[in-house]
């Protein structure tokens, strides 16, 4: 294992949001041809060797999850641990008791019952906390035997018991609050790696899934899926290894059928519910889009996190402007909007920690994850 790590750490890999696998895929392909024994190693073991075995990066912000109703409460996952603040980021507390020893890749806070927090891990599937991170337990029924890496959670807007999970082996749905997960992949023949999910706010039966083979769409609540890649990637190129990875998909909360897709090879938009896509990159300085955010109070405002910083549009993608004043690292891994204050934005970087903007990305300030020692849990989850 040390020798394997030594080789892995020399490979040119840049880790980015959700898609750790996309970034390590060239290395996996290389190893497949060089070391035949790798063929007998599971995907999760390879990922753990590449990302965890080569050392921890405490300043890498993997996931950010603000509380839906209390702007002072935020959860942040790093490569080392999971943190929570109750005072808007002034102080932080580690909340990893009973949580998996594997790295947390994504977080989901239940919008109806925010004390329920879900953690998707890299190697141990799903954990759930019923008390705002004070205690955790596995919520892996239906997942554990198939899934090791979870990329994203999405909560149904009207059914409090329905949750969706994007994973390395497909999309799963729970109808009982995460206790049991069932695969929902009918129609996704070309790919299994689902990176991101977005629900149509006008009709929650309509969903878009970003995968390693482009974008899929369902109109029957994940019963069946259809590939909607017209304008994203030519069909003849789909068989190519890592032809197009979709890191982030977001839907417009006001305009039905308007969807944005941030990919490993550019930024795209559809205004006809996925029937066709148009490239929208005027002003962007990087074609690798890590994460997208849309301002719910003004959907013409969209933010794109890239390897060269944060970009912002105020005209629904017609043009983009870099907005990086105050950032000490431009490699953006994760982002989040405050549900209570849409001008408050968080950006997680690869190497320089967490940053916050209070003025819609005009300027950024670092938010150190300063831990505090507490003898007993505080009230007010």
Protein backbone atom coordinates (compact mmCIF):
# COMPACT_ATOMS: atom_id res chain seq x y z
CA UNK A 1 0.00 0.00 0.00
CA UNK A 2 2.74 2.60 0.71
CA UNK A 3 4.24 1.90 -2.71
CA UNK A 4 0.83 2.29 -4.34
CA UNK A 5 0.30 5.60 -2.59
CA UNK A 6 3.74 6.77 -3.65
CA UNK A 7 2.86 6.16 -7.29
CA UNK A 8 -0.60 7.72 -6.94
CA UNK A 9 0.67 10.89 -5.34
CA UNK A 10 2.94 11.57 -8.31
CA UNK A 11 0.06 11.46 -10.79
CA UNK A 12 -1.29 14.82 -12.02
CA UNK A 13 -4.65 14.79 -10.27
CA UNK A 14 -6.65 17.84 -9.27
CA UNK A 15 -9.58 17.10 -6.96
CA UNK A 16 -12.81 18.96 -7.66
CA UNK A 17 -16.36 19.01 -6.23
CA UNK A 18 -18.46 15.85 -6.26
CA UNK A 19 -16.45 14.41 -9.11
CA UNK A 20 -13.44 12.99 -7.30
CA UNK A 21 -13.80 10.00 -9.62
CA UNK A 22 -13.70 12.09 -12.78
CA UNK A 23 -10.45 13.66 -11.71
CA UNK A 24 -8.81 10.33 -10.93
CA UNK A 25 -10.19 8.49 -13.95
CA UNK A 26 -7.09 9.03 -16.13
CA UNK A 27 -4.99 7.47 -13.39
CA UNK A 28 -7.37 4.53 -13.13
CA UNK A 29 -7.16 3.94 -16.88
CA UNK A 30 -3.35 4.14 -16.70
CA UNK A 31 -3.20 1.64 -13.87
CA UNK A 32 -5.54 -0.73 -15.69
CA UNK A 33 -2.99 -1.13 -18.45
CA UNK A 34 0.10 -1.15 -16.25
CA UNK A 35 -0.89 -3.16 -13.19
CA UNK A 36 -3.29 -6.00 -13.96
CA UNK A 37 -3.98 -6.68 -10.31
CA UNK A 38 -5.87 -3.38 -10.10
CA UNK A 39 -8.63 -5.02 -12.11
CA UNK A 40 -9.44 -7.08 -9.05
CA UNK A 41 -9.62 -4.10 -6.70
CA UNK A 42 -12.99 -2.45 -6.08
CA UNK A 43 -13.63 1.14 -7.17
CA UNK A 44 -13.96 2.30 -3.59
CA UNK A 45 -10.55 0.89 -2.64
CA UNK A 46 -8.90 2.64 -5.60
CA UNK A 47 -10.54 5.92 -4.70
CA UNK A 48 -9.51 5.64 -1.09
CA UNK A 49 -5.90 4.89 -2.04
CA UNK A 50 -5.77 7.87 -4.37
CA UNK A 51 -7.47 10.45 -2.22
CA UNK A 52 -7.09 9.40 1.40
CA UNK A 53 -3.93 7.32 1.38
CA UNK A 54 -1.77 10.17 0.15
CA UNK A 55 -2.44 12.42 3.10
CA UNK A 56 -5.12 14.76 4.42
CA UNK A 57 -5.77 18.33 3.37
CA UNK A 58 -7.58 20.13 6.17
CA UNK A 59 -7.82 23.30 4.11
CA UNK A 60 -9.82 21.62 1.35
CA UNK A 61 -13.54 22.33 1.74
CA UNK A 62 -15.44 19.37 0.32
CA UNK A 63 -19.05 20.33 1.13
CA UNK A 64 -21.00 23.26 2.58
CA UNK A 65 -24.57 22.97 3.90
CA UNK A 66 -26.31 26.02 5.42
CA UNK A 67 -29.29 25.57 7.73
CA UNK A 68 -32.52 26.29 5.78
CA UNK A 69 -34.02 28.55 8.46
CA UNK A 70 -31.16 29.75 10.66
CA UNK A 71 -28.41 31.72 8.93
CA UNK A 72 -26.07 31.24 11.91
CA UNK A 73 -25.93 27.45 11.52
CA UNK A 74 -23.69 26.00 8.80
CA UNK A 75 -22.14 22.57 8.28
CA UNK A 76 -18.80 22.22 6.49
CA UNK A 77 -16.97 19.03 5.53
CA UNK A 78 -13.22 18.97 4.95
CA UNK A 79 -10.95 16.09 3.99
CA UNK A 80 -10.33 15.57 7.71
CA UNK A 81 -13.55 16.21 9.55
CA UNK A 82 -17.05 17.65 9.71
CA UNK A 83 -17.63 21.04 11.38
CA UNK A 84 -20.66 22.99 12.56
CA UNK A 85 -21.06 26.61 13.55
CA UNK A 86 -23.97 28.13 15.51
CA UNK A 87 -22.74 31.71 15.42
CA UNK A 88 -22.37 32.43 11.72
CA UNK A 89 -18.83 31.13 11.45
CA UNK A 90 -17.20 32.91 14.40
CA UNK A 91 -16.50 29.53 16.06
CA UNK A 92 -16.77 25.93 14.92
CA UNK A 93 -17.17 22.54 16.55
CA UNK A 94 -16.27 19.12 15.16
CA UNK A 95 -19.35 16.91 14.88
CA UNK A 96 -17.92 13.57 13.82
CA UNK A 97 -18.86 11.46 16.85
CA UNK A 98 -20.30 8.12 15.61
CA UNK A 99 -19.78 9.21 12.01
CA UNK A 100 -17.98 6.97 9.54
CA UNK A 101 -14.20 7.13 9.57
CA UNK A 102 -14.37 7.60 5.81
CA UNK A 103 -14.31 11.04 4.24
CA UNK A 104 -17.57 12.97 3.89
CA UNK A 105 -18.21 14.06 0.29
CA UNK A 106 -21.65 15.64 0.54
CA UNK A 107 -24.12 16.92 3.12
CA UNK A 108 -27.88 17.30 3.07
CA UNK A 109 -29.96 19.19 5.64
CA UNK A 110 -33.64 18.22 5.69
CA UNK A 111 -35.51 21.43 4.75
CA UNK A 112 -38.57 20.50 6.85
CA UNK A 113 -36.77 19.08 9.86
CA UNK A 114 -33.29 20.65 9.85
CA UNK A 115 -32.11 18.60 12.81
CA UNK A 116 -31.98 15.68 10.36
CA UNK A 117 -28.63 15.87 8.58
CA UNK A 118 -27.43 13.35 5.99
CA UNK A 119 -23.77 12.71 5.19
CA UNK A 120 -22.66 10.94 2.03
CA UNK A 121 -19.25 9.35 2.43
CA UNK A 122 -16.45 8.12 0.23
CA UNK A 123 -16.36 4.48 1.18
CA UNK A 124 -19.24 3.94 3.61
CA UNK A 125 -22.41 5.24 1.86
CA UNK A 126 -24.93 7.21 3.97
CA UNK A 127 -25.04 8.33 7.60
CA UNK A 128 -27.82 10.29 9.28
CA UNK A 129 -27.90 12.50 12.34
CA UNK A 130 -31.29 13.15 14.00
CA UNK A 131 -29.92 15.87 16.28
CA UNK A 132 -27.98 18.32 14.20
CA UNK A 133 -24.74 16.37 14.10
CA UNK A 134 -24.44 15.36 17.76
CA UNK A 135 -24.83 11.66 16.92
CA UNK A 136 -24.79 9.61 13.71
CA UNK A 137 -25.90 6.19 12.51
CA UNK A 138 -25.69 4.33 9.17
CA UNK A 139 -28.73 4.73 6.89
CA UNK A 140 -27.59 2.27 4.26
CA UNK A 141 -30.34 -0.32 3.75
CA UNK A 142 -30.41 -1.06 0.02
CA UNK A 143 -27.22 0.90 -0.50
CA UNK A 144 -24.46 -0.72 1.49
CA UNK A 145 -24.12 -3.82 -0.63
CA UNK A 146 -23.84 -1.75 -3.82
CA UNK A 147 -22.73 1.79 -3.03
CA UNK A 148 -19.58 3.09 -1.42
CA UNK A 149 -19.49 6.70 -2.68
CA UNK A 150 -22.39 9.16 -2.40
CA UNK A 151 -22.18 12.47 -4.29
CA UNK A 152 -25.38 14.39 -3.52
CA UNK A 153 -28.72 14.35 -1.70
CA UNK A 154 -31.90 15.99 -2.99
CA UNK A 155 -35.08 16.30 -0.93
CA UNK A 156 -38.52 16.14 -2.56
CA UNK A 157 -40.21 19.56 -2.20
CA UNK A 158 -43.63 18.25 -1.14
CA UNK A 159 -43.13 14.68 0.13
CA UNK A 160 -41.09 14.86 3.35
CA UNK A 161 -40.18 11.16 3.23
CA UNK A 162 -38.74 11.11 -0.29
CA UNK A 163 -35.00 11.64 -0.73
CA UNK A 164 -32.80 11.04 -3.77
CA UNK A 165 -29.11 10.12 -3.72
CA UNK A 166 -26.61 10.37 -6.57
CA UNK A 167 -23.93 7.68 -6.27
CA UNK A 168 -21.08 6.01 -8.12
CA UNK A 169 -23.37 3.14 -9.15
CA UNK A 170 -26.50 5.07 -10.03
CA UNK A 171 -29.41 7.02 -8.64
CA UNK A 172 -31.29 5.78 -5.59
CA UNK A 173 -34.56 6.86 -3.99
CA UNK A 174 -35.86 6.50 -0.47
CA UNK A 175 -39.57 6.82 0.29
CA UNK A 176 -39.20 6.49 4.06
CA UNK A 177 -36.77 9.21 5.04
CA UNK A 178 -33.60 7.32 4.15
CA UNK A 179 -34.24 4.03 5.94
CA UNK A 180 -34.46 2.02 2.69
CA UNK A 181 -32.94 2.97 -0.67
CA UNK A 182 -34.00 1.55 -4.06
CA UNK A 183 -32.15 1.93 -7.35
CA UNK A 184 -33.93 4.06 -9.98
CA UNK A 185 -31.87 3.65 -13.16
CA UNK A 186 -34.21 2.40 -15.87
CA UNK A 187 -33.10 3.97 -19.14
CA UNK A 188 -29.58 4.87 -18.02
CA UNK A 189 -27.86 2.25 -20.13
CA UNK A 190 -24.66 4.07 -20.97
CA UNK A 191 -23.55 5.15 -17.48
CA UNK A 192 -23.88 4.31 -13.85
CA UNK A 193 -21.95 7.14 -12.23
CA UNK A 194 -24.46 9.83 -11.25
CA UNK A 195 -22.84 13.01 -9.98
CA UNK A 196 -25.64 15.49 -9.47
CA UNK A 197 -29.45 15.76 -9.47
CA UNK A 198 -31.81 18.70 -9.96
CA UNK A 199 -35.58 18.77 -9.57
CA UNK A 200 -37.84 20.99 -11.65
CA UNK A 201 -39.38 23.32 -9.03
CA UNK A 202 -42.54 23.58 -11.14
CA UNK A 203 -43.03 19.79 -11.36
CA UNK A 204 -41.01 17.55 -9.01
CA UNK A 205 -41.69 14.51 -11.21
CA UNK A 206 -39.33 16.14 -13.71
CA UNK A 207 -35.69 15.70 -12.77
CA UNK A 208 -32.31 16.07 -14.43
CA UNK A 209 -29.33 13.86 -13.61
CA UNK A 210 -25.77 14.87 -14.43
CA UNK A 211 -23.64 11.81 -15.13
CA UNK A 212 -20.35 10.76 -16.70
CA UNK A 213 -22.32 10.34 -19.94
CA UNK A 214 -24.05 13.70 -20.02
CA UNK A 215 -27.55 14.65 -18.82
CA UNK A 216 -30.54 12.37 -18.34
CA UNK A 217 -34.14 13.47 -17.73
CA UNK A 218 -37.14 11.82 -16.11
CA UNK A 219 -40.74 13.02 -16.30
CA UNK A 220 -42.24 10.32 -14.08
CA UNK A 221 -40.40 10.73 -10.80
CA UNK A 222 -37.39 8.50 -11.72
CA UNK A 223 -39.53 5.69 -13.16
CA UNK A 224 -37.69 5.99 -16.48
CA UNK A 225 -34.85 8.14 -17.82
CA UNK A 226 -34.03 9.53 -21.25
CA UNK A 227 -30.71 10.87 -22.49
CA UNK A 228 -30.97 14.60 -23.35
CA UNK A 229 -27.56 15.46 -24.76
CA UNK A 230 -28.47 17.36 -27.93
CA UNK A 231 -25.91 20.16 -28.06
CA UNK A 232 -23.88 18.80 -25.17
CA UNK A 233 -21.93 16.05 -26.89
CA UNK A 234 -22.22 14.17 -30.21
CA UNK A 235 -23.77 10.73 -29.78
CA UNK A 236 -20.83 9.03 -31.50
CA UNK A 237 -18.48 10.32 -28.79
CA UNK A 238 -20.44 8.93 -25.86
CA UNK A 239 -18.48 5.68 -25.88
CA UNK A 240 -15.21 7.51 -25.33
CA UNK A 241 -13.80 7.23 -21.81
CA UNK A 242 -14.93 10.21 -19.75
CA UNK A 243 -16.48 11.83 -22.86
CA UNK A 244 -18.35 14.42 -20.81
CA UNK A 245 -18.73 14.60 -17.05
CA UNK A 246 -21.51 16.79 -15.68
CA UNK A 247 -20.47 18.22 -12.32
CA UNK A 248 -23.48 20.43 -11.58
CA UNK A 249 -27.06 20.83 -12.83
CA UNK A 250 -29.39 23.58 -11.61
CA UNK A 251 -32.94 24.55 -12.58
CA UNK A 252 -34.38 28.04 -12.85
CA UNK A 253 -36.96 28.58 -10.06
CA UNK A 254 -39.03 30.97 -12.19
CA UNK A 255 -38.66 29.93 -15.83
CA UNK A 256 -39.94 26.39 -16.52
CA UNK A 257 -37.62 24.37 -18.72
CA UNK A 258 -34.56 26.52 -18.10
CA UNK A 259 -31.65 24.41 -16.86
CA UNK A 260 -27.89 24.98 -16.55
CA UNK A 261 -25.28 22.23 -16.80
CA UNK A 262 -21.69 22.73 -15.64
CA UNK A 263 -19.42 20.11 -17.15
CA UNK A 264 -15.78 19.11 -17.41
CA UNK A 265 -15.77 20.65 -20.90
CA UNK A 266 -17.86 23.77 -20.63
CA UNK A 267 -21.03 25.46 -19.41
CA UNK A 268 -24.37 24.87 -21.12
CA UNK A 269 -27.98 26.07 -20.90
CA UNK A 270 -31.31 24.78 -22.13
CA UNK A 271 -34.55 26.77 -22.31
CA UNK A 272 -36.62 23.88 -23.68
CA UNK A 273 -36.33 21.38 -20.84
CA UNK A 274 -33.32 19.58 -22.26
CA UNK A 275 -34.44 19.22 -25.88
CA UNK A 276 -31.39 21.26 -26.90
CA UNK A 277 -28.40 22.83 -25.18
CA UNK A 278 -26.38 25.96 -25.97
CA UNK A 279 -22.86 26.71 -24.82
CA UNK A 280 -22.75 29.91 -22.67
CA UNK A 281 -19.15 30.82 -21.92
CA UNK A 282 -18.63 34.48 -22.85
CA UNK A 283 -16.25 35.86 -20.21
CA UNK A 284 -15.46 32.53 -18.54
CA UNK A 285 -11.76 31.90 -17.98
CA UNK A 286 -12.06 28.14 -17.45
CA UNK A 287 -14.15 25.49 -19.21
CA UNK A 288 -14.04 23.09 -16.23
CA UNK A 289 -17.14 23.96 -14.18
CA UNK A 290 -17.08 22.55 -10.68
CA UNK A 291 -20.29 23.91 -9.20
CA UNK A 292 -23.24 26.17 -10.12
CA UNK A 293 -25.54 28.27 -7.93
CA UNK A 294 -28.63 30.28 -8.89
CA UNK A 295 -30.01 33.19 -6.88
CA UNK A 296 -33.62 32.27 -5.99
CA UNK A 297 -34.53 35.92 -5.50
CA UNK A 298 -33.19 36.87 -8.95
CA UNK A 299 -32.69 33.85 -11.25
CA UNK A 300 -30.81 35.93 -13.83
CA UNK A 301 -27.92 35.81 -11.34
CA UNK A 302 -25.91 32.60 -11.54
CA UNK A 303 -22.52 31.75 -10.01
CA UNK A 304 -20.04 29.28 -11.48
CA UNK A 305 -17.14 27.83 -9.50
CA UNK A 306 -14.14 26.82 -11.60
CA UNK A 307 -10.44 26.02 -11.26
CA UNK A 308 -9.82 29.73 -11.92
CA UNK A 309 -12.17 31.19 -9.39
CA UNK A 310 -15.81 32.24 -9.15
CA UNK A 311 -17.63 33.71 -12.14
CA UNK A 312 -20.95 35.54 -12.06
CA UNK A 313 -23.63 36.36 -14.61
CA UNK A 314 -26.42 38.89 -14.11
CA UNK A 315 -28.04 38.20 -17.48
CA UNK A 316 -28.87 34.50 -17.22
CA UNK A 317 -25.61 33.34 -18.76
CA UNK A 318 -25.23 35.74 -21.67
CA UNK A 319 -21.95 36.99 -20.19
CA UNK A 320 -19.75 36.15 -17.21
CA UNK A 321 -17.39 38.15 -15.01
CA UNK A 322 -14.72 36.83 -12.60
CA UNK A 323 -15.54 37.85 -9.01
CA UNK A 324 -12.49 36.80 -7.00
CA UNK A 325 -11.51 39.79 -4.87
CA UNK A 326 -10.26 38.44 -1.55
CA UNK A 327 -9.86 34.80 -2.60
CA UNK A 328 -6.36 33.48 -1.96
CA UNK A 329 -6.91 30.33 -4.02
CA UNK A 330 -8.92 30.23 -7.24
CA UNK A 331 -9.44 26.47 -7.37
CA UNK A 332 -13.08 26.29 -6.22
CA UNK A 333 -14.32 22.95 -4.96
CA UNK A 334 -17.72 23.72 -3.36
CA UNK A 335 -20.18 26.59 -3.03
CA UNK A 336 -23.45 27.36 -1.25
CA UNK A 337 -25.96 30.20 -0.98
CA UNK A 338 -27.50 31.14 2.33
CA UNK A 339 -31.22 30.26 2.06
CA UNK A 340 -32.03 33.18 4.33
CA UNK A 341 -29.72 35.75 2.73
CA UNK A 342 -29.12 35.12 -1.00
CA UNK A 343 -26.39 37.78 -1.13
CA UNK A 344 -24.40 35.66 1.32
CA UNK A 345 -22.34 33.08 -0.55
CA UNK A 346 -19.84 30.50 0.67
CA UNK A 347 -16.97 29.19 -1.42
CA UNK A 348 -14.85 26.19 -0.49
CA UNK A 349 -11.41 25.99 -2.03
CA UNK A 350 -8.82 23.33 -2.68
CA UNK A 351 -6.12 24.35 -0.24
CA UNK A 352 -7.10 27.71 1.27
CA UNK A 353 -10.17 26.83 3.29
CA UNK A 354 -13.59 28.47 3.44
CA UNK A 355 -14.51 31.95 2.18
CA UNK A 356 -17.66 34.01 2.52
CA UNK A 357 -19.08 36.96 0.59
CA UNK A 358 -21.75 39.21 2.10
CA UNK A 359 -22.18 41.30 -1.03
CA UNK A 360 -23.10 38.85 -3.79
CA UNK A 361 -19.47 37.95 -4.57
CA UNK A 362 -18.10 41.48 -4.92
CA UNK A 363 -15.58 40.62 -2.22
CA UNK A 364 -14.59 37.57 -0.17
CA UNK A 365 -13.17 37.03 3.31
CA UNK A 366 -11.67 33.90 4.79
CA UNK A 367 -13.69 32.06 7.45
CA UNK A 368 -11.27 30.00 9.58
CA UNK A 369 -12.72 26.77 10.97
CA UNK A 370 -11.67 27.66 14.51
CA UNK A 371 -12.77 24.85 16.86
CA UNK A 372 -14.06 25.49 20.36
CA UNK A 373 -14.20 23.11 23.30
CA UNK A 374 -17.71 22.57 24.69
CA UNK A 375 -18.53 20.45 27.70
CA UNK A 376 -22.18 19.85 26.76
CA UNK A 377 -24.37 20.24 23.66
CA UNK A 378 -25.99 23.61 23.15
CA UNK A 379 -29.75 23.90 22.65
CA UNK A 380 -31.30 25.21 19.49
CA UNK A 381 -30.52 22.72 16.73
